[in-house]
C-alpha atoms as a PDB file:
ATOM      1  CA  UNK A   1      -8.961 -13.436  27.182  1.00  0.00           C
ATOM      2  CA  UNK A   2      -8.465 -17.188  27.756  1.00  0.00           C
ATOM      3  CA  UNK A   3      -4.734 -17.714  27.793  1.00  0.00           C
ATOM      4  CA  UNK A   4      -4.605 -21.276  29.286  1.00  0.00           C
ATOM      5  CA  UNK A   5      -6.884 -24.260  29.998  1.00  0.00           C
ATOM      6  CA  UNK A   6      -5.957 -26.775  32.704  1.00  0.00           C
ATOM      7  CA  UNK A   7      -5.889 -30.189  30.976  1.00  0.00           C
ATOM      8  CA  UNK A   8      -6.746 -32.024  34.229  1.00  0.00           C
ATOM      9  CA  UNK A   9      -9.845 -30.213  35.428  1.00  0.00           C
ATOM     10  CA  UNK A  10     -10.620 -27.924  32.483  1.00  0.00           C
ATOM     11  CA  UNK A  11     -10.231 -24.761  34.535  1.00  0.00           C
ATOM     12  CA  UNK A  12      -9.886 -21.579  32.465  1.00  0.00           C
ATOM     13  CA  UNK A  13      -7.180 -19.051  33.170  1.00  0.00           C
ATOM     14  CA  UNK A  14      -8.179 -15.560  32.039  1.00  0.00           C
ATOM     15  CA  UNK A  15      -6.289 -12.301  31.533  1.00  0.00           C
ATOM     16  CA  UNK A  16      -7.864  -8.855  31.353  1.00  0.00           C
ATOM     17  CA  UNK A  17      -4.455  -7.303  30.620  1.00  0.00           C
ATOM     18  CA  UNK A  18      -3.859  -9.541  27.615  1.00  0.00           C
ATOM     19  CA  UNK A  19      -7.375  -8.861  26.320  1.00  0.00           C
ATOM     20  CA  UNK A  20      -6.786  -5.101  26.582  1.00  0.00           C
ATOM     21  CA  UNK A  21      -3.419  -5.434  24.845  1.00  0.00           C
ATOM     22  CA  UNK A  22      -4.979  -7.492  22.034  1.00  0.00           C
ATOM     23  CA  UNK A  23      -7.740  -4.927  21.489  1.00  0.00           C
ATOM     24  CA  UNK A  24      -5.144  -2.171  21.461  1.00  0.00           C
ATOM     25  CA  UNK A  25      -3.058  -4.067  18.919  1.00  0.00           C
ATOM     26  CA  UNK A  26      -6.140  -4.447  16.706  1.00  0.00           C
ATOM     27  CA  UNK A  27      -6.775  -0.701  16.936  1.00  0.00           C
ATOM     28  CA  UNK A  28      -3.135   0.017  16.048  1.00  0.00           C
ATOM     29  CA  UNK A  29      -3.375  -2.246  12.981  1.00  0.00           C
ATOM     30  CA  UNK A  30      -6.622  -0.549  11.946  1.00  0.00           C
ATOM     31  CA  UNK A  31      -5.086   2.923  12.348  1.00  0.00           C
ATOM     32  CA  UNK A  32      -2.115   1.825  10.229  1.00  0.00           C
ATOM     33  CA  UNK A  33      -4.338   0.381   7.484  1.00  0.00           C
ATOM     34  CA  UNK A  34      -6.541   3.504   7.345  1.00  0.00           C
ATOM     35  CA  UNK A  35      -3.665   5.983   7.786  1.00  0.00           C
ATOM     36  CA  UNK A  36      -5.355   7.454  10.872  1.00  0.00           C
ATOM     37  CA  UNK A  37      -3.926   9.808  13.495  1.00  0.00           C
ATOM     38  CA  UNK A  38      -3.865   8.498  17.070  1.00  0.00           C
ATOM     39  CA  UNK A  39      -3.010  10.348  20.284  1.00  0.00           C
ATOM     40  CA  UNK A  40      -0.688   8.953  22.934  1.00  0.00           C
ATOM     41  CA  UNK A  41       1.090  10.296  26.004  1.00  0.00           C
ATOM     42  CA  UNK A  42       4.871  10.200  26.347  1.00  0.00           C
ATOM     43  CA  UNK A  43       5.793   8.025  29.320  1.00  0.00           C
ATOM     44  CA  UNK A  44       9.557   7.602  29.150  1.00  0.00           C
ATOM     45  CA  UNK A  45      12.712   8.745  27.401  1.00  0.00           C
ATOM     46  CA  UNK A  46      14.807   5.904  25.986  1.00  0.00           C
ATOM     47  CA  UNK A  47      17.853   5.651  23.768  1.00  0.00           C
ATOM     48  CA  UNK A  48      17.032   7.160  20.391  1.00  0.00           C
ATOM     49  CA  UNK A  49      13.562   8.475  21.230  1.00  0.00           C
ATOM     50  CA  UNK A  50      10.576   8.193  23.578  1.00  0.00           C
ATOM     51  CA  UNK A  51       7.994   5.603  24.605  1.00  0.00           C
ATOM     52  CA  UNK A  52       4.271   6.398  24.457  1.00  0.00           C
ATOM     53  CA  UNK A  53       1.232   4.754  26.032  1.00  0.00           C
ATOM     54  CA  UNK A  54      -1.208   3.409  23.452  1.00  0.00           C
ATOM     55  CA  UNK A  55      -2.689   0.903  25.874  1.00  0.00           C
ATOM     56  CA  UNK A  56       0.529  -0.839  24.937  1.00  0.00           C
ATOM     57  CA  UNK A  57       3.995   0.604  24.516  1.00  0.00           C
ATOM     58  CA  UNK A  58       4.885   2.399  21.328  1.00  0.00           C
ATOM     59  CA  UNK A  59       8.229   3.871  20.247  1.00  0.00           C
ATOM     60  CA  UNK A  60       8.705   7.280  18.612  1.00  0.00           C
ATOM     61  CA  UNK A  61      12.245   7.892  17.274  1.00  0.00           C
ATOM     62  CA  UNK A  62      13.664  11.322  18.108  1.00  0.00           C
ATOM     63  CA  UNK A  63      13.868  12.144  14.380  1.00  0.00           C
ATOM     64  CA  UNK A  64      10.120  11.498  14.054  1.00  0.00           C
ATOM     65  CA  UNK A  65       8.901  13.784  16.845  1.00  0.00           C
ATOM     66  CA  UNK A  66       9.036  17.145  15.043  1.00  0.00           C
ATOM     67  CA  UNK A  67      10.039  18.596  11.686  1.00  0.00           C
ATOM     68  CA  UNK A  68      13.018  20.223  13.413  1.00  0.00           C
ATOM     69  CA  UNK A  69      15.433  18.480  15.790  1.00  0.00           C
ATOM     70  CA  UNK A  70      14.220  18.197  19.403  1.00  0.00           C
ATOM     71  CA  UNK A  71      16.633  19.453  22.038  1.00  0.00           C
ATOM     72  CA  UNK A  72      15.618  18.055  25.435  1.00  0.00           C
ATOM     73  CA  UNK A  73      13.456  14.915  25.138  1.00  0.00           C
ATOM     74  CA  UNK A  74      12.733  14.948  28.882  1.00  0.00           C
ATOM     75  CA  UNK A  75      10.476  17.980  28.330  1.00  0.00           C
ATOM     76  CA  UNK A  76       8.085  15.738  26.377  1.00  0.00           C
ATOM     77  CA  UNK A  77       7.308  13.331  29.236  1.00  0.00           C
ATOM     78  CA  UNK A  78       3.614  13.615  30.121  1.00  0.00           C
ATOM     79  CA  UNK A  79       2.735  15.421  26.903  1.00  0.00           C
ATOM     80  CA  UNK A  80       0.435  14.065  24.205  1.00  0.00           C
ATOM     81  CA  UNK A  81       1.672  13.463  20.673  1.00  0.00           C
ATOM     82  CA  UNK A  82      -0.409  13.114  17.513  1.00  0.00           C
ATOM     83  CA  UNK A  83       0.973  10.072  15.745  1.00  0.00           C
ATOM     84  CA  UNK A  84       0.801   7.805  12.735  1.00  0.00           C
ATOM     85  CA  UNK A  85       2.025   4.200  12.662  1.00  0.00           C
ATOM     86  CA  UNK A  86       5.033   3.835  10.378  1.00  0.00           C
ATOM     87  CA  UNK A  87       6.193   0.305  11.268  1.00  0.00           C
ATOM     88  CA  UNK A  88       4.703  -2.827  12.877  1.00  0.00           C
ATOM     89  CA  UNK A  89       6.346  -6.009  14.160  1.00  0.00           C
ATOM     90  CA  UNK A  90       3.462  -8.504  14.286  1.00  0.00           C
ATOM     91  CA  UNK A  91       5.484 -11.259  15.985  1.00  0.00           C
ATOM     92  CA  UNK A  92       6.711  -9.112  18.839  1.00  0.00           C
ATOM     93  CA  UNK A  93       3.741  -6.742  18.913  1.00  0.00           C
ATOM     94  CA  UNK A  94       6.030  -3.746  18.583  1.00  0.00           C
ATOM     95  CA  UNK A  95       4.977  -0.475  16.958  1.00  0.00           C
ATOM     96  CA  UNK A  96       6.971   2.520  15.730  1.00  0.00           C
ATOM     97  CA  UNK A  97       5.179   5.834  15.319  1.00  0.00           C
ATOM     98  CA  UNK A  98       5.787   9.297  13.881  1.00  0.00           C
ATOM     99  CA  UNK A  99       4.451  12.736  14.744  1.00  0.00           C
ATOM    100  CA  UNK A 100       6.683  14.349  12.124  1.00  0.00           C
ATOM    101  CA  UNK A 101       4.682  12.648   9.356  1.00  0.00           C
ATOM    102  CA  UNK A 102       1.455  14.123  10.749  1.00  0.00           C
ATOM    103  CA  UNK A 103       2.968  17.621  10.890  1.00  0.00           C
ATOM    104  CA  UNK A 104       4.392  17.411   7.362  1.00  0.00           C
ATOM    105  CA  UNK A 105       1.088  16.211   5.911  1.00  0.00           C
ATOM    106  CA  UNK A 106      -0.746  19.063   7.620  1.00  0.00           C
ATOM    107  CA  UNK A 107       1.815  21.546   6.314  1.00  0.00           C
ATOM    108  CA  UNK A 108       1.434  20.222   2.769  1.00  0.00           C
ATOM    109  CA  UNK A 109      -2.324  20.547   3.055  1.00  0.00           C
ATOM    110  CA  UNK A 110      -1.956  24.165   4.181  1.00  0.00           C
ATOM    111  CA  UNK A 111       0.353  24.806   1.219  1.00  0.00           C
ATOM    112  CA  UNK A 112      -2.198  23.435  -1.237  1.00  0.00           C
ATOM    113  CA  UNK A 113      -4.975  25.505   0.319  1.00  0.00           C
ATOM    114  CA  UNK A 114      -2.793  28.611   0.205  1.00  0.00           C
ATOM    115  CA  UNK A 115      -1.764  27.961  -3.412  1.00  0.00           C
ATOM    116  CA  UNK A 116      -5.437  27.901  -4.333  1.00  0.00           C
ATOM    117  CA  UNK A 117      -6.091  31.352  -2.878  1.00  0.00           C
ATOM    118  CA  UNK A 118      -2.914  33.350  -3.611  1.00  0.00           C
ATOM    119  CA  UNK A 119      -3.223  36.090  -6.216  1.00  0.00           C
ATOM    120  CA  UNK A 120      -0.944  38.859  -7.438  1.00  0.00           C
ATOM    121  CA  UNK A 121      -1.819  42.116  -5.710  1.00  0.00           C
ATOM    122  CA  UNK A 122      -3.140  40.497  -2.539  1.00  0.00           C
ATOM    123  CA  UNK A 123      -2.123  41.858   0.857  1.00  0.00           C
ATOM    124  CA  UNK A 124      -1.108  39.075   3.259  1.00  0.00           C
ATOM    125  CA  UNK A 125       0.275  38.865   6.754  1.00  0.00           C
ATOM    126  CA  UNK A 126       3.319  36.715   7.386  1.00  0.00           C
ATOM    127  CA  UNK A 127       6.196  36.128   9.751  1.00  0.00           C
ATOM    128  CA  UNK A 128       9.852  36.762   8.888  1.00  0.00           C
ATOM    129  CA  UNK A 129      11.589  33.389   9.236  1.00  0.00           C
ATOM    130  CA  UNK A 130      14.975  33.882   7.575  1.00  0.00           C
ATOM    131  CA  UNK A 131      17.304  36.645   6.383  1.00  0.00           C
ATOM    132  CA  UNK A 132      19.730  36.392   3.481  1.00  0.00           C
ATOM    133  CA  UNK A 133      22.101  38.912   1.896  1.00  0.00           C
ATOM    134  CA  UNK A 134      19.594  39.526  -0.921  1.00  0.00           C
ATOM    135  CA  UNK A 135      16.347  39.657   1.061  1.00  0.00           C
ATOM    136  CA  UNK A 136      14.006  38.316   3.738  1.00  0.00           C
ATOM    137  CA  UNK A 137      11.914  35.133   3.666  1.00  0.00           C
ATOM    138  CA  UNK A 138       8.381  35.369   5.045  1.00  0.00           C
ATOM    139  CA  UNK A 139       6.153  32.435   6.056  1.00  0.00           C
ATOM    140  CA  UNK A 140       2.675  33.122   4.678  1.00  0.00           C
ATOM    141  CA  UNK A 141       1.181  30.118   6.490  1.00  0.00           C
ATOM    142  CA  UNK A 142       2.778  27.123   4.788  1.00  0.00           C
ATOM    143  CA  UNK A 143       4.678  28.762   1.935  1.00  0.00           C
ATOM    144  CA  UNK A 144       7.731  30.996   2.238  1.00  0.00           C
ATOM    145  CA  UNK A 145       7.841  34.088   0.048  1.00  0.00           C
ATOM    146  CA  UNK A 146      10.846  36.311  -0.666  1.00  0.00           C
ATOM    147  CA  UNK A 147      11.004  40.057  -0.142  1.00  0.00           C
ATOM    148  CA  UNK A 148      13.980  41.188  -2.201  1.00  0.00           C
ATOM    149  CA  UNK A 149      16.056  43.992  -0.718  1.00  0.00           C
ATOM    150  CA  UNK A 150      14.705  46.369  -3.371  1.00  0.00           C
ATOM    151  CA  UNK A 151      11.152  45.658  -2.123  1.00  0.00           C
ATOM    152  CA  UNK A 152      11.933  46.044   1.583  1.00  0.00           C
ATOM    153  CA  UNK A 153      12.370  49.803   1.457  1.00  0.00           C
ATOM    154  CA  UNK A 154      12.277  52.737  -0.950  1.00  0.00           C
ATOM    155  CA  UNK A 155      15.724  53.652   0.353  1.00  0.00           C
ATOM    156  CA  UNK A 156      18.746  51.637  -0.691  1.00  0.00           C
ATOM    157  CA  UNK A 157      19.771  49.067   1.939  1.00  0.00           C
ATOM    158  CA  UNK A 158      22.761  46.763   2.224  1.00  0.00           C
ATOM    159  CA  UNK A 159      21.107  44.033   4.318  1.00  0.00           C
ATOM    160  CA  UNK A 160      17.483  43.176   5.193  1.00  0.00           C
ATOM    161  CA  UNK A 161      18.319  43.401   8.912  1.00  0.00           C
ATOM    162  CA  UNK A 162      18.218  47.186   8.459  1.00  0.00           C
ATOM    163  CA  UNK A 163      14.441  46.890   7.990  1.00  0.00           C
ATOM    164  CA  UNK A 164      13.174  43.635   9.552  1.00  0.00           C
ATOM    165  CA  UNK A 165      14.249  40.931  11.983  1.00  0.00           C
ATOM    166  CA  UNK A 166      13.372  37.236  12.389  1.00  0.00           C
ATOM    167  CA  UNK A 167      10.023  36.847  14.135  1.00  0.00           C
ATOM    168  CA  UNK A 168       8.549  40.122  12.876  1.00  0.00           C
ATOM    169  CA  UNK A 169       4.936  39.981  11.681  1.00  0.00           C
ATOM    170  CA  UNK A 170       4.713  41.969   8.442  1.00  0.00           C
ATOM    171  CA  UNK A 171       2.007  42.960   5.983  1.00  0.00           C
ATOM    172  CA  UNK A 172       3.200  42.188   2.447  1.00  0.00           C
ATOM    173  CA  UNK A 173       1.901  42.469  -1.104  1.00  0.00           C
ATOM    174  CA  UNK A 174       2.088  39.494  -3.492  1.00  0.00           C
ATOM    175  CA  UNK A 175       4.123  40.748  -6.483  1.00  0.00           C
ATOM    176  CA  UNK A 176       4.730  37.520  -8.426  1.00  0.00           C
ATOM    177  CA  UNK A 177       3.444  33.995  -7.962  1.00  0.00           C
ATOM    178  CA  UNK A 178       4.525  30.731  -9.631  1.00  0.00           C
ATOM    179  CA  UNK A 179       2.156  27.971  -8.409  1.00  0.00           C
ATOM    180  CA  UNK A 180       4.156  25.202 -10.113  1.00  0.00           C
ATOM    181  CA  UNK A 181       7.492  26.169  -8.586  1.00  0.00           C
ATOM    182  CA  UNK A 182       5.728  27.350  -5.387  1.00  0.00           C
ATOM    183  CA  UNK A 183       7.716  30.574  -5.515  1.00  0.00           C
ATOM    184  CA  UNK A 184       6.251  33.831  -4.255  1.00  0.00           C
ATOM    185  CA  UNK A 185       7.780  37.286  -4.594  1.00  0.00           C
ATOM    186  CA  UNK A 186       6.617  39.815  -2.014  1.00  0.00           C
ATOM    187  CA  UNK A 187       6.868  43.527  -1.332  1.00  0.00           C
ATOM    188  CA  UNK A 188       6.940  45.386   1.965  1.00  0.00           C
ATOM    189  CA  UNK A 189       7.168  48.853   0.380  1.00  0.00           C
ATOM    190  CA  UNK A 190       3.400  49.094  -0.188  1.00  0.00           C
ATOM    191  CA  UNK A 191       2.919  49.682   3.561  1.00  0.00           C
ATOM    192  CA  UNK A 192       5.476  52.501   3.612  1.00  0.00           C
ATOM    193  CA  UNK A 193       4.941  56.159   2.662  1.00  0.00           C
ATOM    194  CA  UNK A 194       5.741  56.849  -1.009  1.00  0.00           C
ATOM    195  CA  UNK A 195       8.809  59.131  -0.919  1.00  0.00           C
ATOM    196  CA  UNK A 196       7.729  60.813  -4.166  1.00  0.00           C
ATOM    197  CA  UNK A 197       4.592  61.926  -2.340  1.00  0.00           C
ATOM    198  CA  UNK A 198       6.184  62.432   1.054  1.00  0.00           C
ATOM    199  CA  UNK A 199       8.938  64.713  -0.345  1.00  0.00           C
ATOM    200  CA  UNK A 200       6.985  66.304  -3.208  1.00  0.00           C
ATOM    201  CA  UNK A 201       7.844  69.814  -1.996  1.00  0.00           C
ATOM    202  CA  UNK A 202      11.555  69.104  -2.589  1.00  0.00           C
ATOM    203  CA  UNK A 203      11.209  67.532  -6.034  1.00  0.00           C
ATOM    204  CA  UNK A 204      11.202  70.464  -8.449  1.00  0.00           C
ATOM    205  CA  UNK A 205      13.610  71.499 -11.185  1.00  0.00           C
ATOM    206  CA  UNK A 206      16.300  73.892 -10.012  1.00  0.00           C
ATOM    207  CA  UNK A 207      16.187  72.817  -6.390  1.00  0.00           C
ATOM    208  CA  UNK A 208      19.558  72.306  -4.709  1.00  0.00           C
ATOM    209  CA  UNK A 209      19.875  69.391  -2.292  1.00  0.00           C
ATOM    210  CA  UNK A 210      22.570  67.608  -0.325  1.00  0.00           C
ATOM    211  CA  UNK A 211      22.544  64.070  -1.766  1.00  0.00           C
ATOM    212  CA  UNK A 212      24.459  60.896  -1.017  1.00  0.00           C
ATOM    213  CA  UNK A 213      26.415  59.070  -3.712  1.00  0.00           C
ATOM    214  CA  UNK A 214      25.243  55.451  -4.005  1.00  0.00           C
ATOM    215  CA  UNK A 215      26.892  54.335  -7.265  1.00  0.00           C
ATOM    216  CA  UNK A 216      29.854  55.541  -9.293  1.00  0.00           C
ATOM    217  CA  UNK A 217      30.468  54.746 -13.003  1.00  0.00           C
ATOM    218  CA  UNK A 218      32.591  56.465 -15.687  1.00  0.00           C
ATOM    219  CA  UNK A 219      29.436  57.792 -17.419  1.00  0.00           C
ATOM    220  CA  UNK A 220      27.154  58.710 -14.537  1.00  0.00           C
ATOM    221  CA  UNK A 221      26.713  58.928 -10.797  1.00  0.00           C
ATOM    222  CA  UNK A 222      23.656  57.668  -8.970  1.00  0.00           C
ATOM    223  CA  UNK A 223      22.744  59.751  -5.920  1.00  0.00           C
ATOM    224  CA  UNK A 224      19.971  59.566  -3.325  1.00  0.00           C
ATOM    225  CA  UNK A 225      18.509  63.072  -3.103  1.00  0.00           C
ATOM    226  CA  UNK A 226      15.930  62.232  -0.399  1.00  0.00           C
ATOM    227  CA  UNK A 227      15.404  58.831   1.282  1.00  0.00           C
ATOM    228  CA  UNK A 228      14.023  56.498  -1.371  1.00  0.00           C
ATOM    229  CA  UNK A 229      14.407  58.825  -4.377  1.00  0.00           C
ATOM    230  CA  UNK A 230      17.420  58.525  -6.681  1.00  0.00           C
ATOM    231  CA  UNK A 231      18.765  60.891  -9.317  1.00  0.00           C
ATOM    232  CA  UNK A 232      21.181  60.366 -12.197  1.00  0.00           C
ATOM    233  CA  UNK A 233      24.096  62.766 -12.602  1.00  0.00           C
ATOM    234  CA  UNK A 234      25.326  62.239 -16.195  1.00  0.00           C
ATOM    235  CA  UNK A 235      28.830  62.712 -17.511  1.00  0.00           C
ATOM    236  CA  UNK A 236      29.353  66.407 -18.104  1.00  0.00           C
ATOM    237  CA  UNK A 237      27.487  67.307 -14.919  1.00  0.00           C
ATOM    238  CA  UNK A 238      30.210  66.127 -12.544  1.00  0.00           C
ATOM    239  CA  UNK A 239      33.978  66.443 -12.445  1.00  0.00           C
ATOM    240  CA  UNK A 240      35.299  63.210 -13.984  1.00  0.00           C
ATOM    241  CA  UNK A 241      38.744  63.958 -12.562  1.00  0.00           C
ATOM    242  CA  UNK A 242      37.389  63.803  -9.026  1.00  0.00           C
ATOM    243  CA  UNK A 243      37.194  60.482  -7.204  1.00  0.00           C
ATOM    244  CA  UNK A 244      33.648  60.072  -5.886  1.00  0.00           C
ATOM    245  CA  UNK A 245      32.849  57.329  -3.377  1.00  0.00           C
ATOM    246  CA  UNK A 246      29.573  55.668  -2.325  1.00  0.00           C
ATOM    247  CA  UNK A 247      28.333  57.294   0.875  1.00  0.00           C
ATOM    248  CA  UNK A 248      29.872  60.670   0.034  1.00  0.00           C
ATOM    249  CA  UNK A 249      27.668  63.768   0.382  1.00  0.00           C
ATOM    250  CA  UNK A 250      27.466  66.109  -2.619  1.00  0.00           C
ATOM    251  CA  UNK A 251      25.383  69.165  -3.510  1.00  0.00           C
ATOM    252  CA  UNK A 252      23.095  68.406  -6.447  1.00  0.00           C
ATOM    253  CA  UNK A 253      20.950  70.713  -8.555  1.00  0.00           C
ATOM    254  CA  UNK A 254      17.865  68.989  -9.958  1.00  0.00           C
ATOM    255  CA  UNK A 255      17.791  69.523 -13.729  1.00  0.00           C
ATOM    256  CA  UNK A 256      14.932  67.403 -15.084  1.00  0.00           C
ATOM    257  CA  UNK A 257      12.114  65.542 -13.312  1.00  0.00           C
ATOM    258  CA  UNK A 258       9.806  63.088 -15.085  1.00  0.00           C
ATOM    259  CA  UNK A 259       6.938  62.203 -12.738  1.00  0.00           C
ATOM    260  CA  UNK A 260       5.621  59.579 -15.182  1.00  0.00           C
ATOM    261  CA  UNK A 261       8.776  57.481 -15.345  1.00  0.00           C
ATOM    262  CA  UNK A 262      10.067  58.753 -11.989  1.00  0.00           C
ATOM    263  CA  UNK A 263      13.422  59.594 -13.478  1.00  0.00           C
ATOM    264  CA  UNK A 264      15.452  62.528 -12.268  1.00  0.00           C
ATOM    265  CA  UNK A 265      18.674  64.003 -13.640  1.00  0.00           C
ATOM    266  CA  UNK A 266      20.856  66.327 -11.643  1.00  0.00           C
ATOM    267  CA  UNK A 267      24.083  68.244 -11.739  1.00  0.00           C
ATOM    268  CA  UNK A 268      26.956  68.565  -9.307  1.00  0.00           C
ATOM    269  CA  UNK A 269      28.642  71.266 -11.411  1.00  0.00           C
ATOM    270  CA  UNK A 270      25.763  72.724 -13.434  1.00  0.00           C
ATOM    271  CA  UNK A 271      26.711  73.853 -16.956  1.00  0.00           C
ATOM    272  CA  UNK A 272      24.360  76.778 -17.661  1.00  0.00           C
ATOM    273  CA  UNK A 273      24.605  76.666 -21.465  1.00  0.00           C
ATOM    274  CA  UNK A 274      23.597  72.987 -21.759  1.00  0.00           C
ATOM    275  CA  UNK A 275      19.928  72.679 -22.755  1.00  0.00           C
ATOM    276  CA  UNK A 276      17.678  69.850 -21.473  1.00  0.00           C
ATOM    277  CA  UNK A 277      17.656  68.327 -24.993  1.00  0.00           C
ATOM    278  CA  UNK A 278      21.445  68.285 -25.126  1.00  0.00           C
ATOM    279  CA  UNK A 279      21.560  66.980 -21.566  1.00  0.00           C
ATOM    280  CA  UNK A 280      19.635  63.874 -22.599  1.00  0.00           C
ATOM    281  CA  UNK A 281      22.512  62.939 -24.898  1.00  0.00           C
ATOM    282  CA  UNK A 282      24.766  62.590 -21.857  1.00  0.00           C
ATOM    283  CA  UNK A 283      22.467  60.083 -20.161  1.00  0.00           C
ATOM    284  CA  UNK A 284      22.852  56.548 -21.555  1.00  0.00           C
ATOM    285  CA  UNK A 285      19.461  54.833 -21.793  1.00  0.00           C
ATOM    286  CA  UNK A 286      20.836  51.647 -20.220  1.00  0.00           C
ATOM    287  CA  UNK A 287      21.840  53.684 -17.186  1.00  0.00           C
ATOM    288  CA  UNK A 288      18.260  53.263 -15.986  1.00  0.00           C
ATOM    289  CA  UNK A 289      18.441  49.473 -16.344  1.00  0.00           C
ATOM    290  CA  UNK A 290      18.645  47.516 -14.105  1.00  0.00           C
ATOM    291  CA  UNK A 291      18.547  50.667 -11.964  1.00  0.00           C
ATOM    292  CA  UNK A 292      15.214  51.442 -13.586  1.00  0.00           C
ATOM    293  CA  UNK A 293      13.635  49.158 -11.000  1.00  0.00           C
ATOM    294  CA  UNK A 294      15.039  51.432  -8.333  1.00  0.00           C
ATOM    295  CA  UNK A 295      13.793  54.638  -9.941  1.00  0.00           C
ATOM    296  CA  UNK A 296      10.464  53.397 -11.216  1.00  0.00           C
ATOM    297  CA  UNK A 297       7.071  53.588  -9.573  1.00  0.00           C
ATOM    298  CA  UNK A 298       6.382  50.739  -7.110  1.00  0.00           C
ATOM    299  CA  UNK A 299       2.940  50.214  -8.688  1.00  0.00           C
END
């Protein structure tokens, strides 16, 4: 690049460095105009971010390096970043770049691709990324789905940490899918043995079992007779004067078993002269709702 001409003798003063910098600047402008990704190596940590070598210096703010905050910027020196130009100063030939924008665009693309292939009933692999009181969130590869506590296990659980932990790879079934809201409901129970099949030898009328009380109401008790299988003990089949507590063990006689609806009634103090038809009068229909989701088939 000719950067000066001597007025006296016409001698040309040339600069290879300035020519290289000008060509680099032209490439940076072109990448900005066409929204292209460029690679550059981190050369130095400075206040507020890092410098990269584009053939000229470029600045990447710390907030634009990753989608999550970066802890130690020094670890990035010598590493390549995939960047997009987000700001240019033409007078000073200064450029500001972002890798975060590249990562977010790629994530959005993955989400759109995933949204186009998700279907109810599909089995997908994902990674547990967050736990809440009501369930576990699983990254399916761009979209997070929720496994509600009731879909983590056939047995009743108080917290998802009883079943999974962050970082676990799990096989889940897509239960519900709202493409507009990008909400996915998942189930982990499909990969677990069905307790109604696993404990079939114990599920017959007249059998006596040690069960655990899981819910107490004035009209009925809900007890877990085997892990993952609940039974209703209606009023008249337990001593209403006694104070029952969740977690308490009680002896239960199985009175009626409906394999179709997966509803079981039992008795703690069986009344021999009460017929099954009369027994049904003691069981309020709404007792199985919302608990019906707990007693119903997972299919």
